[in-house]
Amino acid sequence: ADEVGGARSEELASQIIMEILNEAFVNLQEEDAE
């Protein structure tokens, strides 16, 4: 995840996205990749 040029708080947004995706992906049980 990367910043959107010049927007405020984009570093926080990219960190939050990665933290939530990490947690969600580890805990998800769906078999279908999509």
Full PDB file with SEQRES, HELIX, SHEET, SSBOND, CRYST1, ORIGX, SCALE, CONECT and MASTER records, all heavy atoms in Angstrom:
SEQRES   1 A   34  ALA ASP GLU VAL GLY GLY ALA ARG SER GLU GLU LEU ALA          
SEQRES   2 A   34  SER GLN ILE ILE MET GLU ILE LEU ASN GLU ALA PHE VAL          
SEQRES   3 A   34  ASN LEU GLN GLU GLU ASP ALA GLU                              
HELIX    1 AA1 GLU A   10  ASN A   27  1                                  18    
CRYST1    1.000    1.000    1.000  90.00  90.00  90.00 P 1           1          
ORIGX1      1.000000  0.000000  0.000000        0.00000                         
ORIGX2      0.000000  1.000000  0.000000        0.00000                         
ORIGX3      0.000000  0.000000  1.000000        0.00000                         
SCALE1      1.000000  0.000000  0.000000        0.00000                         
SCALE2      0.000000  1.000000  0.000000        0.00000                         
SCALE3      0.000000  0.000000  1.000000        0.00000                         
ATOM      1  N   ALA A   1       0.874  -1.175   0.000  1.00  0.00           N  
ATOM      2  CA  ALA A   1       0.000   0.000   0.000  1.00  0.00           C  
ATOM      3  C   ALA A   1       0.906   1.218   0.000  1.00  0.00           C  
ATOM      4  O   ALA A   1       1.935   1.230   0.683  1.00  0.00           O  
ATOM      5  CB  ALA A   1      -0.912   0.009   1.224  1.00  0.00           C  
ATOM      6  N   ASP A   2       0.548   2.218  -0.759  1.00  0.00           N  
ATOM      7  CA  ASP A   2       1.388   3.404  -0.861  1.00  0.00           C  
ATOM      8  C   ASP A   2       0.523   4.651  -0.776  1.00  0.00           C  
ATOM      9  O   ASP A   2      -0.685   4.612  -1.009  1.00  0.00           O  
ATOM     10  CB  ASP A   2       2.170   3.368  -2.172  1.00  0.00           C  
ATOM     11  CG  ASP A   2       3.450   4.194  -2.128  1.00  0.00           C  
ATOM     12  OD1 ASP A   2       3.768   4.770  -1.076  1.00  0.00           O  
ATOM     13  OD2 ASP A   2       4.135   4.257  -3.159  1.00  0.00           O  
ATOM     14  N   GLU A   3       1.177   5.745  -0.465  1.00  0.00           N  
ATOM     15  CA  GLU A   3       0.482   7.014  -0.305  1.00  0.00           C  
ATOM     16  C   GLU A   3      -0.155   7.490  -1.594  1.00  0.00           C  
ATOM     17  O   GLU A   3       0.233   7.086  -2.671  1.00  0.00           O  
ATOM     18  CB  GLU A   3       1.456   8.063   0.218  1.00  0.00           C  
ATOM     19  CG  GLU A   3       2.697   8.256  -0.652  1.00  0.00           C  
ATOM     20  CD  GLU A   3       2.563   9.281  -1.749  1.00  0.00           C  
ATOM     21  OE1 GLU A   3       1.607  10.079  -1.751  1.00  0.00           O  
ATOM     22  OE2 GLU A   3       3.415   9.284  -2.628  1.00  0.00           O  
ATOM     23  N   VAL A   4      -1.145   8.353  -1.444  1.00  0.00           N  
ATOM     24  CA  VAL A   4      -1.751   9.039  -2.576  1.00  0.00           C  
ATOM     25  C   VAL A   4      -1.143  10.431  -2.584  1.00  0.00           C  
ATOM     26  O   VAL A   4      -1.330  11.189  -1.639  1.00  0.00           O  
ATOM     27  CB  VAL A   4      -3.293   9.107  -2.446  1.00  0.00           C  
ATOM     28  CG1 VAL A   4      -3.888   9.919  -3.581  1.00  0.00           C  
ATOM     29  CG2 VAL A   4      -3.869   7.711  -2.404  1.00  0.00           C  
ATOM     30  N   GLY A   5      -0.380  10.728  -3.613  1.00  0.00           N  
ATOM     31  CA  GLY A   5       0.449  11.928  -3.699  1.00  0.00           C  
ATOM     32  C   GLY A   5      -0.121  13.185  -3.086  1.00  0.00           C  
ATOM     33  O   GLY A   5      -1.094  13.727  -3.564  1.00  0.00           O  
ATOM     34  N   GLY A   6       0.512  13.627  -2.007  1.00  0.00           N  
ATOM     35  CA  GLY A   6       0.183  14.894  -1.394  1.00  0.00           C  
ATOM     36  C   GLY A   6      -0.975  14.870  -0.419  1.00  0.00           C  
ATOM     37  O   GLY A   6      -1.231  15.856   0.260  1.00  0.00           O  
ATOM     38  N   ALA A   7      -1.718  13.773  -0.300  1.00  0.00           N  
ATOM     39  CA  ALA A   7      -2.833  13.725   0.638  1.00  0.00           C  
ATOM     40  C   ALA A   7      -2.298  13.654   2.066  1.00  0.00           C  
ATOM     41  O   ALA A   7      -1.204  13.179   2.304  1.00  0.00           O  
ATOM     42  CB  ALA A   7      -3.719  12.510   0.340  1.00  0.00           C  
ATOM     43  N   ARG A   8      -3.079  14.145   3.031  1.00  0.00           N  
ATOM     44  CA  ARG A   8      -2.667  14.092   4.433  1.00  0.00           C  
ATOM     45  C   ARG A   8      -2.925  12.707   4.994  1.00  0.00           C  
ATOM     46  O   ARG A   8      -3.867  12.046   4.625  1.00  0.00           O  
ATOM     47  CB  ARG A   8      -3.450  15.128   5.231  1.00  0.00           C  
ATOM     48  CG  ARG A   8      -3.105  16.549   4.855  1.00  0.00           C  
ATOM     49  CD  ARG A   8      -3.958  17.551   5.560  1.00  0.00           C  
ATOM     50  NE  ARG A   8      -4.187  17.178   6.957  1.00  0.00           N  
ATOM     51  CZ  ARG A   8      -4.971  17.845   7.776  1.00  0.00           C  
ATOM     52  NH1 ARG A   8      -5.607  18.887   7.338  1.00  0.00           N  
ATOM     53  NH2 ARG A   8      -5.134  17.466   9.015  1.00  0.00           N  
ATOM     54  N   SER A   9      -2.079  12.270   5.893  1.00  0.00           N  
ATOM     55  CA  SER A   9      -2.261  11.035   6.657  1.00  0.00           C  
ATOM     56  C   SER A   9      -2.149   9.769   5.819  1.00  0.00           C  
ATOM     57  O   SER A   9      -2.616   8.723   6.222  1.00  0.00           O  
ATOM     58  CB  SER A   9      -3.622  11.042   7.362  1.00  0.00           C  
ATOM     59  OG  SER A   9      -3.791  12.201   8.097  1.00  0.00           O  
ATOM     60  N   GLU A  10      -1.497   9.850   4.629  1.00  0.00           N  
ATOM     61  CA  GLU A  10      -1.428   8.679   3.783  1.00  0.00           C  
ATOM     62  C   GLU A  10      -0.525   7.594   4.346  1.00  0.00           C  
ATOM     63  O   GLU A  10      -0.762   6.418   4.129  1.00  0.00           O  
ATOM     64  CB  GLU A  10      -1.044   9.015   2.344  1.00  0.00           C  
ATOM     65  CG  GLU A  10       0.169   9.870   2.108  1.00  0.00           C  
ATOM     66  CD  GLU A  10      -0.003  11.336   2.424  1.00  0.00           C  
ATOM     67  OE1 GLU A  10      -0.631  12.073   1.686  1.00  0.00           O  
ATOM     68  OE2 GLU A  10       0.564  11.741   3.443  1.00  0.00           O  
ATOM     69  N   GLU A  11       0.502   7.978   5.094  1.00  0.00           N  
ATOM     70  CA  GLU A  11       1.352   6.955   5.702  1.00  0.00           C  
ATOM     71  C   GLU A  11       0.525   6.125   6.673  1.00  0.00           C  
ATOM     72  O   GLU A  11       0.632   4.901   6.723  1.00  0.00           O  
ATOM     73  CB  GLU A  11       2.543   7.578   6.419  1.00  0.00           C  
ATOM     74  CG  GLU A  11       3.459   6.540   7.043  1.00  0.00           C  
ATOM     75  CD  GLU A  11       4.678   7.157   7.681  1.00  0.00           C  
ATOM     76  OE1 GLU A  11       4.828   8.389   7.677  1.00  0.00           O  
ATOM     77  OE2 GLU A  11       5.486   6.382   8.207  1.00  0.00           O  
ATOM     78  N   LEU A  12      -0.319   6.791   7.441  1.00  0.00           N  
ATOM     79  CA  LEU A  12      -1.205   6.091   8.369  1.00  0.00           C  
ATOM     80  C   LEU A  12      -2.160   5.174   7.611  1.00  0.00           C  
ATOM     81  O   LEU A  12      -2.367   4.026   8.001  1.00  0.00           O  
ATOM     82  CB  LEU A  12      -1.999   7.096   9.210  1.00  0.00           C  
ATOM     83  CG  LEU A  12      -2.978   6.515  10.215  1.00  0.00           C  
ATOM     84  CD1 LEU A  12      -2.252   5.632  11.222  1.00  0.00           C  
ATOM     85  CD2 LEU A  12      -3.729   7.636  10.913  1.00  0.00           C  
ATOM     86  N   ALA A  13      -2.699   5.647   6.503  1.00  0.00           N  
ATOM     87  CA  ALA A  13      -3.628   4.834   5.712  1.00  0.00           C  
ATOM     88  C   ALA A  13      -2.942   3.570   5.205  1.00  0.00           C  
ATOM     89  O   ALA A  13      -3.500   2.476   5.305  1.00  0.00           O  
ATOM     90  CB  ALA A  13      -4.183   5.637   4.533  1.00  0.00           C  
ATOM     91  N   SER A  14      -1.734   3.701   4.678  1.00  0.00           N  
ATOM     92  CA  SER A  14      -1.053   2.511   4.150  1.00  0.00           C  
ATOM     93  C   SER A  14      -0.712   1.534   5.270  1.00  0.00           C  
ATOM     94  O   SER A  14      -0.813   0.318   5.095  1.00  0.00           O  
ATOM     95  CB  SER A  14       0.197   2.888   3.346  1.00  0.00           C  
ATOM     96  OG  SER A  14       1.213   3.409   4.170  1.00  0.00           O  
ATOM     97  N   GLN A  15      -0.346   2.039   6.446  1.00  0.00           N  
ATOM     98  CA  GLN A  15      -0.055   1.159   7.582  1.00  0.00           C  
ATOM     99  C   GLN A  15      -1.312   0.439   8.058  1.00  0.00           C  
ATOM    100  O   GLN A  15      -1.283  -0.763   8.341  1.00  0.00           O  
ATOM    101  CB  GLN A  15       0.548   1.954   8.736  1.00  0.00           C  
ATOM    102  CG  GLN A  15       1.950   2.426   8.477  1.00  0.00           C  
ATOM    103  CD  GLN A  15       2.448   3.370   9.561  1.00  0.00           C  
ATOM    104  OE1 GLN A  15       1.715   3.758  10.466  1.00  0.00           O  
ATOM    105  NE2 GLN A  15       3.699   3.754   9.456  1.00  0.00           N  
ATOM    106  N   ILE A  16      -2.412   1.162   8.132  1.00  0.00           N  
ATOM    107  CA  ILE A  16      -3.677   0.560   8.580  1.00  0.00           C  
ATOM    108  C   ILE A  16      -4.120  -0.518   7.596  1.00  0.00           C  
ATOM    109  O   ILE A  16      -4.530  -1.617   7.997  1.00  0.00           O  
ATOM    110  CB  ILE A  16      -4.770   1.634   8.743  1.00  0.00           C  
ATOM    111  CG1 ILE A  16      -4.445   2.518   9.948  1.00  0.00           C  
ATOM    112  CG2 ILE A  16      -6.149   0.995   8.908  1.00  0.00           C  
ATOM    113  CD1 ILE A  16      -5.304   3.761  10.034  1.00  0.00           C  
ATOM    114  N   ILE A  17      -4.031  -0.226   6.315  1.00  0.00           N  
ATOM    115  CA  ILE A  17      -4.412  -1.213   5.302  1.00  0.00           C  
ATOM    116  C   ILE A  17      -3.607  -2.488   5.487  1.00  0.00           C  
ATOM    117  O   ILE A  17      -4.153  -3.593   5.505  1.00  0.00           O  
ATOM    118  CB  ILE A  17      -4.222  -0.652   3.880  1.00  0.00           C  
ATOM    119  CG1 ILE A  17      -5.268   0.426   3.588  1.00  0.00           C  
ATOM    120  CG2 ILE A  17      -4.304  -1.766   2.832  1.00  0.00           C  
ATOM    121  CD1 ILE A  17      -4.994   1.212   2.330  1.00  0.00           C  
ATOM    122  N   MET A  18      -2.298  -2.363   5.641  1.00  0.00           N  
ATOM    123  CA  MET A  18      -1.454  -3.555   5.782  1.00  0.00           C  
ATOM    124  C   MET A  18      -1.753  -4.319   7.067  1.00  0.00           C  
ATOM    125  O   MET A  18      -1.812  -5.552   7.066  1.00  0.00           O  
ATOM    126  CB  MET A  18       0.028  -3.180   5.718  1.00  0.00           C  
ATOM    127  CG  MET A  18       0.488  -2.756   4.345  1.00  0.00           C  
ATOM    128  SD  MET A  18       0.273  -4.014   3.051  1.00  0.00           S  
ATOM    129  CE  MET A  18      -1.240  -3.477   2.279  1.00  0.00           C  
ATOM    130  N   GLU A  19      -1.976  -3.606   8.176  1.00  0.00           N  
ATOM    131  CA  GLU A  19      -2.291  -4.281   9.438  1.00  0.00           C  
ATOM    132  C   GLU A  19      -3.605  -5.056   9.340  1.00  0.00           C  
ATOM    133  O   GLU A  19      -3.698  -6.208   9.770  1.00  0.00           O  
ATOM    134  CB  GLU A  19      -2.353  -3.265  10.579  1.00  0.00           C  
ATOM    135  CG  GLU A  19      -1.001  -2.730  10.983  1.00  0.00           C  
ATOM    136  CD  GLU A  19      -1.088  -1.597  12.000  1.00  0.00           C  
ATOM    137  OE1 GLU A  19      -2.156  -1.400  12.609  1.00  0.00           O  
ATOM    138  OE2 GLU A  19      -0.068  -0.922  12.178  1.00  0.00           O  
ATOM    139  N   ILE A  20      -4.624  -4.421   8.771  1.00  0.00           N  
ATOM    140  CA  ILE A  20      -5.931  -5.076   8.677  1.00  0.00           C  
ATOM    141  C   ILE A  20      -5.887  -6.228   7.687  1.00  0.00           C  
ATOM    142  O   ILE A  20      -6.425  -7.310   7.948  1.00  0.00           O  
ATOM    143  CB  ILE A  20      -7.018  -4.052   8.307  1.00  0.00           C  
ATOM    144  CG1 ILE A  20      -7.216  -3.089   9.480  1.00  0.00           C  
ATOM    145  CG2 ILE A  20      -8.330  -4.748   7.948  1.00  0.00           C  
ATOM    146  CD1 ILE A  20      -8.064  -1.901   9.171  1.00  0.00           C  
ATOM    147  N   LEU A  21      -5.240  -6.030   6.541  1.00  0.00           N  
ATOM    148  CA  LEU A  21      -5.120  -7.116   5.571  1.00  0.00           C  
ATOM    149  C   LEU A  21      -4.348  -8.289   6.159  1.00  0.00           C  
ATOM    150  O   LEU A  21      -4.731  -9.444   5.969  1.00  0.00           O  
ATOM    151  CB  LEU A  21      -4.434  -6.636   4.298  1.00  0.00           C  
ATOM    152  CG  LEU A  21      -5.311  -5.846   3.342  1.00  0.00           C  
ATOM    153  CD1 LEU A  21      -4.456  -5.225   2.253  1.00  0.00           C  
ATOM    154  CD2 LEU A  21      -6.385  -6.720   2.746  1.00  0.00           C  
ATOM    155  N   ASN A  22      -3.284  -7.997   6.874  1.00  0.00           N  
ATOM    156  CA  ASN A  22      -2.502  -9.049   7.510  1.00  0.00           C  
ATOM    157  C   ASN A  22      -3.377  -9.858   8.464  1.00  0.00           C  
ATOM    158  O   ASN A  22      -3.449 -11.090   8.372  1.00  0.00           O  
ATOM    159  CB  ASN A  22      -1.316  -8.428   8.254  1.00  0.00           C  
ATOM    160  CG  ASN A  22      -0.398  -9.452   8.864  1.00  0.00           C  
ATOM    161  OD1 ASN A  22      -0.208 -10.541   8.338  1.00  0.00           O  
ATOM    162  ND2 ASN A  22       0.178  -9.102   9.996  1.00  0.00           N  
ATOM    163  N   GLU A  23      -4.061  -9.171   9.364  1.00  0.00           N  
ATOM    164  CA  GLU A  23      -4.920  -9.849  10.336  1.00  0.00           C  
ATOM    165  C   GLU A  23      -6.064 -10.593   9.649  1.00  0.00           C  
ATOM    166  O   GLU A  23      -6.343 -11.753   9.962  1.00  0.00           O  
ATOM    167  CB  GLU A  23      -5.484  -8.837  11.327  1.00  0.00           C  
ATOM    168  CG  GLU A  23      -6.366  -9.466  12.379  1.00  0.00           C  
ATOM    169  CD  GLU A  23      -6.909  -8.431  13.356  1.00  0.00           C  
ATOM    170  OE1 GLU A  23      -6.217  -7.442  13.648  1.00  0.00           O  
ATOM    171  OE2 GLU A  23      -8.045  -8.633  13.804  1.00  0.00           O  
ATOM    172  N   ALA A  24      -6.715  -9.929   8.714  1.00  0.00           N  
ATOM    173  CA  ALA A  24      -7.855 -10.547   8.033  1.00  0.00           C  
ATOM    174  C   ALA A  24      -7.415 -11.773   7.245  1.00  0.00           C  
ATOM    175  O   ALA A  24      -8.061 -12.818   7.295  1.00  0.00           O  
ATOM    176  CB  ALA A  24      -8.536  -9.536   7.105  1.00  0.00           C  
ATOM    177  N   PHE A  25      -6.308 -11.662   6.549  1.00  0.00           N  
ATOM    178  CA  PHE A  25      -5.870 -12.772   5.715  1.00  0.00           C  
ATOM    179  C   PHE A  25      -5.459 -13.969   6.560  1.00  0.00           C  
ATOM    180  O   PHE A  25      -5.727 -15.113   6.203  1.00  0.00           O  
ATOM    181  CB  PHE A  25      -4.726 -12.349   4.792  1.00  0.00           C  
ATOM    182  CG  PHE A  25      -4.895 -12.878   3.416  1.00  0.00           C  
ATOM    183  CD1 PHE A  25      -5.703 -12.232   2.512  1.00  0.00           C  
ATOM    184  CD2 PHE A  25      -4.284 -14.052   3.036  1.00  0.00           C  
ATOM    185  CE1 PHE A  25      -5.894 -12.739   1.241  1.00  0.00           C  
ATOM    186  CE2 PHE A  25      -4.466 -14.571   1.770  1.00  0.00           C  
ATOM    187  CZ  PHE A  25      -5.267 -13.905   0.870  1.00  0.00           C  
ATOM    188  N   VAL A  26      -4.829 -13.716   7.684  1.00  0.00           N  
ATOM    189  CA  VAL A  26      -4.430 -14.805   8.579  1.00  0.00           C  
ATOM    190  C   VAL A  26      -5.659 -15.507   9.152  1.00  0.00           C  
ATOM    191  O   VAL A  26      -5.689 -16.733   9.279  1.00  0.00           O  
ATOM    192  CB  VAL A  26      -3.532 -14.275   9.714  1.00  0.00           C  
ATOM    193  CG1 VAL A  26      -3.361 -15.300  10.822  1.00  0.00           C  
ATOM    194  CG2 VAL A  26      -2.175 -13.868   9.167  1.00  0.00           C  
ATOM    195  N   ASN A  27      -6.709 -14.751   9.468  1.00  0.00           N  
ATOM    196  CA  ASN A  27      -7.875 -15.303  10.155  1.00  0.00           C  
ATOM    197  C   ASN A  27      -9.010 -15.755   9.246  1.00  0.00           C  
ATOM    198  O   ASN A  27      -9.933 -16.411   9.713  1.00  0.00           O  
ATOM    199  CB  ASN A  27      -8.414 -14.286  11.166  1.00  0.00           C  
ATOM    200  CG  ASN A  27      -7.414 -14.041  12.265  1.00  0.00           C  
ATOM    201  OD1 ASN A  27      -6.783 -14.968  12.767  1.00  0.00           O  
ATOM    202  ND2 ASN A  27      -7.242 -12.790  12.641  1.00  0.00           N  
ATOM    203  N   LEU A  28      -8.971 -15.403   7.967  1.00  0.00           N  
ATOM    204  CA  LEU A  28     -10.067 -15.773   7.063  1.00  0.00           C  
ATOM    205  C   LEU A  28     -10.080 -17.263   6.787  1.00  0.00           C  
ATOM    206  O   LEU A  28      -9.037 -17.900   6.688  1.00  0.00           O  
ATOM    207  CB  LEU A  28      -9.948 -15.014   5.743  1.00  0.00           C  
ATOM    208  CG  LEU A  28     -10.309 -13.539   5.795  1.00  0.00           C  
ATOM    209  CD1 LEU A  28     -10.052 -12.888   4.448  1.00  0.00           C  
ATOM    210  CD2 LEU A  28     -11.753 -13.345   6.207  1.00  0.00           C  
ATOM    211  N   GLN A  29     -11.276 -17.790   6.623  1.00  0.00           N  
ATOM    212  CA  GLN A  29     -11.431 -19.213   6.362  1.00  0.00           C  
ATOM    213  C   GLN A  29     -11.901 -19.507   4.937  1.00  0.00           C  
ATOM    214  O   GLN A  29     -11.999 -20.665   4.560  1.00  0.00           O  
ATOM    215  CB  GLN A  29     -12.435 -19.816   7.361  1.00  0.00           C  
ATOM    216  CG  GLN A  29     -12.013 -19.660   8.805  1.00  0.00           C  
ATOM    217  CD  GLN A  29     -10.667 -20.303   9.087  1.00  0.00           C  
ATOM    218  OE1 GLN A  29     -10.413 -21.425   8.696  1.00  0.00           O  
ATOM    219  NE2 GLN A  29      -9.784 -19.579   9.752  1.00  0.00           N  
ATOM    220  N   GLU A  30     -12.221 -18.466   4.149  1.00  0.00           N  
ATOM    221  CA  GLU A  30     -12.706 -18.688   2.793  1.00  0.00           C  
ATOM    222  C   GLU A  30     -11.692 -19.492   1.992  1.00  0.00           C  
ATOM    223  O   GLU A  30     -10.506 -19.215   2.031  1.00  0.00           O  
ATOM    224  CB  GLU A  30     -12.977 -17.362   2.058  1.00  0.00           C  
ATOM    225  CG  GLU A  30     -14.233 -16.662   2.470  1.00  0.00           C  
ATOM    226  CD  GLU A  30     -13.994 -15.662   3.588  1.00  0.00           C  
ATOM    227  OE1 GLU A  30     -12.959 -15.745   4.265  1.00  0.00           O  
ATOM    228  OE2 GLU A  30     -14.873 -14.818   3.795  1.00  0.00           O  
ATOM    229  N   GLU A  31     -12.165 -20.485   1.279  1.00  0.00           N  
ATOM    230  CA  GLU A  31     -11.290 -21.315   0.454  1.00  0.00           C  
ATOM    231  C   GLU A  31     -11.047 -20.671  -0.912  1.00  0.00           C  
ATOM    232  O   GLU A  31      -9.988 -20.820  -1.478  1.00  0.00           O  
ATOM    233  CB  GLU A  31     -11.892 -22.713   0.274  1.00  0.00           C  
ATOM    234  CG  GLU A  31     -11.919 -23.512   1.554  1.00  0.00           C  
ATOM    235  CD  GLU A  31     -10.533 -23.779   2.125  1.00  0.00           C  
ATOM    236  OE1 GLU A  31      -9.607 -24.074   1.342  1.00  0.00           O  
ATOM    237  OE2 GLU A  31     -10.377 -23.679   3.356  1.00  0.00           O  
ATOM    238  N   ASP A  32     -12.051 -19.984  -1.439  1.00  0.00           N  
ATOM    239  CA  ASP A  32     -11.936 -19.354  -2.743  1.00  0.00           C  
ATOM    240  C   ASP A  32     -10.998 -18.156  -2.663  1.00  0.00           C  
ATOM    241  O   ASP A  32     -11.178 -17.266  -1.823  1.00  0.00           O  
ATOM    242  CB  ASP A  32     -13.317 -18.916  -3.242  1.00  0.00           C  
ATOM    243  CG  ASP A  32     -13.239 -18.266  -4.599  1.00  0.00           C  
ATOM    244  OD1 ASP A  32     -13.046 -18.999  -5.589  1.00  0.00           O  
ATOM    245  OD2 ASP A  32     -13.345 -17.025  -4.664  1.00  0.00           O  
ATOM    246  N   ALA A  33      -9.989 -18.119  -3.537  1.00  0.00           N  
ATOM    247  CA  ALA A  33      -8.971 -17.061  -3.500  1.00  0.00           C  
ATOM    248  C   ALA A  33      -9.576 -15.673  -3.683  1.00  0.00           C  
ATOM    249  O   ALA A  33      -9.223 -14.738  -2.970  1.00  0.00           O  
ATOM    250  CB  ALA A  33      -7.927 -17.324  -4.579  1.00  0.00           C  
ATOM    251  N   GLU A  34     -10.508 -15.540  -4.629  1.00  0.00           N  
ATOM    252  CA  GLU A  34     -11.103 -14.229  -4.880  1.00  0.00           C  
ATOM    253  C   GLU A  34     -11.930 -13.765  -3.689  1.00  0.00           C  
ATOM    254  O   GLU A  34     -11.885 -12.590  -3.323  1.00  0.00           O  
ATOM    255  CB  GLU A  34     -11.941 -14.260  -6.154  1.00  0.00           C  
ATOM    256  CG  GLU A  34     -11.091 -14.347  -7.395  1.00  0.00           C  
ATOM    257  CD  GLU A  34     -11.912 -14.324  -8.670  1.00  0.00           C  
ATOM    258  OE1 GLU A  34     -13.014 -13.745  -8.677  1.00  0.00           O  
ATOM    259  OE2 GLU A  34     -11.442 -14.892  -9.670  1.00  0.00           O  
TER     260      GLU A  34                                                      
MASTER        0    0    0    1    0    0    0    6  259    1    0    3          
END                                                                             
